[in-house]
Amino acid sequence: MNPIAIDTIRRSRLYALAASAAILAIIGITGSTAGNAEKAVDNKAPQHHWFQVGKASWYGRFFQGHPTADGESFNMNDHTCAHRSLPMGSLVRVTNLDNSKTVVVRVNDRGPLPRSRVIDLSYAAARFLGFGGRDGGTAPVRLELIKDDPLFAQIVFPQPSAVVFPLTPSLVR
């Protein structure tokens, strides 16, 4: 084949490629994300929420005024609970699976002792869910962790004796 013909074919292909790139650049379609091109949208990974299903019980008058695991005195009329592993101050949504009533409680104690139960609720929380007192001592429940931040729990369930802000050397005298 003639070397001039090969050079002409190569040149015409190069011109066609340059012309198509110029047309795409005028239209605004490019192969790179440089310049003002839109960034690819990152789909956020789905968030997994902690939950637990099991049997709840309640405790009340016998423990009234006794210290809980986090140091505060137990009040059977507060919406608090005892859980084995959730951090102190966590907020938990408890749903009674028998009647679909829901209450938000704060973890302030450790328990329950029987391994067949997942949570011990205060008397007030159990009554709110419809199984405290003479109505029965246990109920099937679903627990959902709302927030495990003690500062957030202090805003929702204020405790007058609780220290909200960390002590710094300038505050301690």
Protein backbone atom coordinates (compact mmCIF):
# COMPACT_ATOMS: atom_id res chain seq x y z
CA MET A 1 0.00 0.00 0.00
CA ASN A 2 1.05 3.51 -0.68
CA PRO A 3 2.58 5.24 2.42
CA ILE A 4 0.84 8.50 1.47
CA ALA A 5 -2.57 6.75 1.46
CA ILE A 6 -1.89 5.28 4.95
CA ASP A 7 -0.94 8.72 6.24
CA THR A 8 -4.13 10.20 4.71
CA ILE A 9 -6.33 7.54 6.36
CA ARG A 10 -4.62 8.06 9.70
CA ARG A 11 -4.97 11.83 9.36
CA SER A 12 -8.67 11.60 8.47
CA ARG A 13 -9.30 9.37 11.51
CA LEU A 14 -7.45 11.86 13.72
CA TYR A 15 -9.56 14.72 12.31
CA ALA A 16 -12.77 12.74 12.89
CA LEU A 17 -11.75 12.03 16.50
CA ALA A 18 -10.85 15.68 17.16
CA ALA A 19 -14.12 16.88 15.58
CA SER A 20 -16.21 14.49 17.68
CA ALA A 21 -14.36 15.56 20.86
CA ALA A 22 -15.02 19.22 20.00
CA ILE A 23 -18.73 18.55 19.41
CA LEU A 24 -19.00 16.67 22.72
CA ALA A 25 -17.18 19.50 24.50
CA ILE A 26 -19.59 22.06 23.02
CA ILE A 27 -22.58 19.98 24.11
CA GLY A 28 -21.06 19.52 27.57
CA ILE A 29 -20.45 15.80 27.62
CA THR A 30 -17.01 14.81 28.80
CA GLY A 31 -15.43 11.63 30.01
CA SER A 32 -13.85 13.21 33.08
CA THR A 33 -15.23 14.88 36.19
CA ALA A 34 -12.89 17.84 35.86
CA GLY A 35 -14.22 21.35 35.75
CA ASN A 36 -17.92 21.97 36.36
CA ALA A 37 -19.05 18.43 35.72
CA GLU A 38 -21.45 17.01 38.31
CA LYS A 39 -20.01 14.66 40.87
CA ALA A 40 -21.34 11.14 40.98
CA VAL A 41 -24.00 10.75 43.65
CA ASP A 42 -22.85 8.41 46.43
CA ASN A 43 -25.68 6.31 47.74
CA LYS A 44 -25.41 6.19 51.50
CA ALA A 45 -25.10 2.77 52.99
CA PRO A 46 -28.28 1.71 54.76
CA GLN A 47 -28.21 2.36 58.50
CA HIS A 48 -28.77 -0.62 60.70
CA HIS A 49 -30.82 0.00 63.80
CA TRP A 50 -30.36 -2.02 66.97
CA PHE A 51 -33.42 -3.88 68.20
CA GLN A 52 -34.22 -6.77 70.48
CA VAL A 53 -37.37 -8.84 70.99
CA GLY A 54 -38.17 -10.68 74.20
CA LYS A 55 -40.02 -10.60 77.48
CA ALA A 56 -40.10 -7.56 79.78
CA SER A 57 -40.78 -7.41 83.49
CA TRP A 58 -41.08 -4.51 85.92
CA TYR A 59 -39.81 -3.54 89.35
CA GLY A 60 -41.13 -0.94 91.73
CA ARG A 61 -41.90 -0.34 95.39
CA PHE A 62 -39.39 -2.81 96.86
CA PHE A 63 -36.48 -0.96 95.13
CA GLN A 64 -37.83 2.60 95.62
CA GLY A 65 -35.01 4.91 96.76
CA HIS A 66 -32.25 2.32 96.41
CA PRO A 67 -29.20 3.29 94.30
CA THR A 68 -29.16 2.09 90.71
CA ALA A 69 -26.08 0.97 88.76
CA ASP A 70 -25.36 4.52 87.56
CA GLY A 71 -25.56 5.95 91.08
CA GLU A 72 -28.90 7.73 91.05
CA SER A 73 -31.65 6.65 93.39
CA PHE A 74 -34.38 4.51 91.84
CA ASN A 75 -37.76 6.17 91.34
CA MET A 76 -40.54 3.81 90.33
CA ASN A 77 -42.50 6.74 88.85
CA ASP A 78 -39.81 7.66 86.29
CA HIS A 79 -39.61 6.13 82.82
CA THR A 80 -36.39 4.21 83.36
CA CYS A 81 -35.23 0.64 82.81
CA ALA A 82 -32.55 -1.92 83.54
CA HIS A 83 -30.74 -3.60 80.65
CA ARG A 84 -27.77 -5.97 80.63
CA SER A 85 -25.59 -4.42 77.93
CA LEU A 86 -26.85 -1.04 76.66
CA PRO A 87 -24.79 1.97 77.78
CA MET A 88 -26.07 3.94 80.76
CA GLY A 89 -28.14 6.89 79.62
CA SER A 90 -29.26 5.26 76.37
CA LEU A 91 -32.78 5.99 75.22
CA VAL A 92 -34.80 2.91 74.27
CA ARG A 93 -38.24 2.72 72.62
CA VAL A 94 -40.15 -0.19 74.16
CA THR A 95 -43.22 -1.51 72.31
CA ASN A 96 -45.65 -3.93 73.92
CA LEU A 97 -46.32 -6.52 71.23
CA ASP A 98 -49.69 -7.49 72.76
CA ASN A 99 -51.31 -4.05 72.48
CA SER A 100 -48.82 -1.97 70.38
CA LYS A 101 -48.36 0.67 73.10
CA THR A 102 -44.96 2.38 73.06
CA VAL A 103 -42.89 4.24 75.66
CA VAL A 104 -39.38 5.74 75.64
CA VAL A 105 -37.25 4.90 78.66
CA ARG A 106 -33.72 5.72 79.81
CA VAL A 107 -31.26 2.99 80.85
CA ASN A 108 -30.06 3.67 84.40
CA ASP A 109 -29.59 0.19 85.88
CA ARG A 110 -28.34 -3.31 85.10
CA GLY A 111 -30.59 -6.35 84.91
CA PRO A 112 -32.88 -8.26 84.68
CA LEU A 113 -31.62 -11.25 86.63
CA PRO A 114 -33.74 -13.97 84.93
CA ARG A 115 -32.10 -14.85 81.61
CA SER A 116 -35.54 -15.34 80.02
CA ARG A 117 -36.17 -11.57 80.17
CA VAL A 118 -34.51 -8.81 78.13
CA ILE A 119 -35.45 -5.70 80.13
CA ASP A 120 -36.76 -4.59 83.53
CA LEU A 121 -38.98 -1.52 83.33
CA SER A 122 -39.88 0.88 86.10
CA TYR A 123 -43.42 0.62 87.44
CA ALA A 124 -44.53 3.79 85.59
CA ALA A 125 -43.22 2.55 82.22
CA ALA A 126 -44.84 -0.86 82.71
CA ARG A 127 -48.19 0.73 83.62
CA PHE A 128 -47.92 2.94 80.54
CA LEU A 129 -47.45 -0.18 78.41
CA GLY A 130 -50.39 -1.87 80.11
CA PHE A 131 -48.83 -4.69 82.10
CA GLY A 132 -47.74 -3.19 85.43
CA GLY A 133 -49.45 -3.77 88.76
CA ARG A 134 -52.16 -6.42 89.01
CA ASP A 135 -52.50 -6.69 85.21
CA GLY A 136 -49.61 -9.13 85.11
CA GLY A 137 -45.88 -9.03 85.61
CA THR A 138 -44.46 -9.63 82.12
CA ALA A 139 -45.21 -8.86 78.48
CA PRO A 140 -43.62 -9.55 75.08
CA VAL A 141 -41.80 -6.42 73.89
CA ARG A 142 -39.62 -5.04 71.11
CA LEU A 143 -36.73 -2.76 72.08
CA GLU A 144 -35.29 -0.18 69.68
CA LEU A 145 -32.24 1.90 70.50
CA ILE A 146 -33.04 5.56 69.87
CA LYS A 147 -29.86 7.22 71.08
CA ASP A 148 -26.93 6.05 73.19
CA ASP A 149 -25.74 9.56 74.01
CA PRO A 150 -25.94 10.39 77.73
CA LEU A 151 -25.98 14.15 77.02
CA PHE A 152 -29.03 13.72 74.77
CA ALA A 153 -30.71 11.61 77.45
CA GLN A 154 -30.02 14.38 79.99
CA ILE A 155 -31.91 16.83 77.76
CA VAL A 156 -34.87 14.48 77.31
CA PHE A 157 -34.91 13.15 80.92
CA PRO A 158 -33.27 15.88 83.04
CA GLN A 159 -31.74 14.75 86.31
CA PRO A 160 -31.14 17.55 88.83
CA SER A 161 -28.07 15.90 90.37
CA ALA A 162 -26.48 14.76 87.11
CA VAL A 163 -23.34 16.42 85.75
CA VAL A 164 -23.92 17.22 82.09
CA PHE A 165 -20.65 18.87 81.10
CA PRO A 166 -17.26 17.26 81.67
CA LEU A 167 -15.30 18.77 84.53
CA THR A 168 -12.18 20.61 83.47
CA PRO A 169 -9.37 21.69 85.79
CA SER A 170 -10.57 25.32 85.59
CA LEU A 171 -14.01 24.32 86.92
CA VAL A 172 -12.78 22.10 89.77
CA ARG A 173 -11.60 24.03 92.86
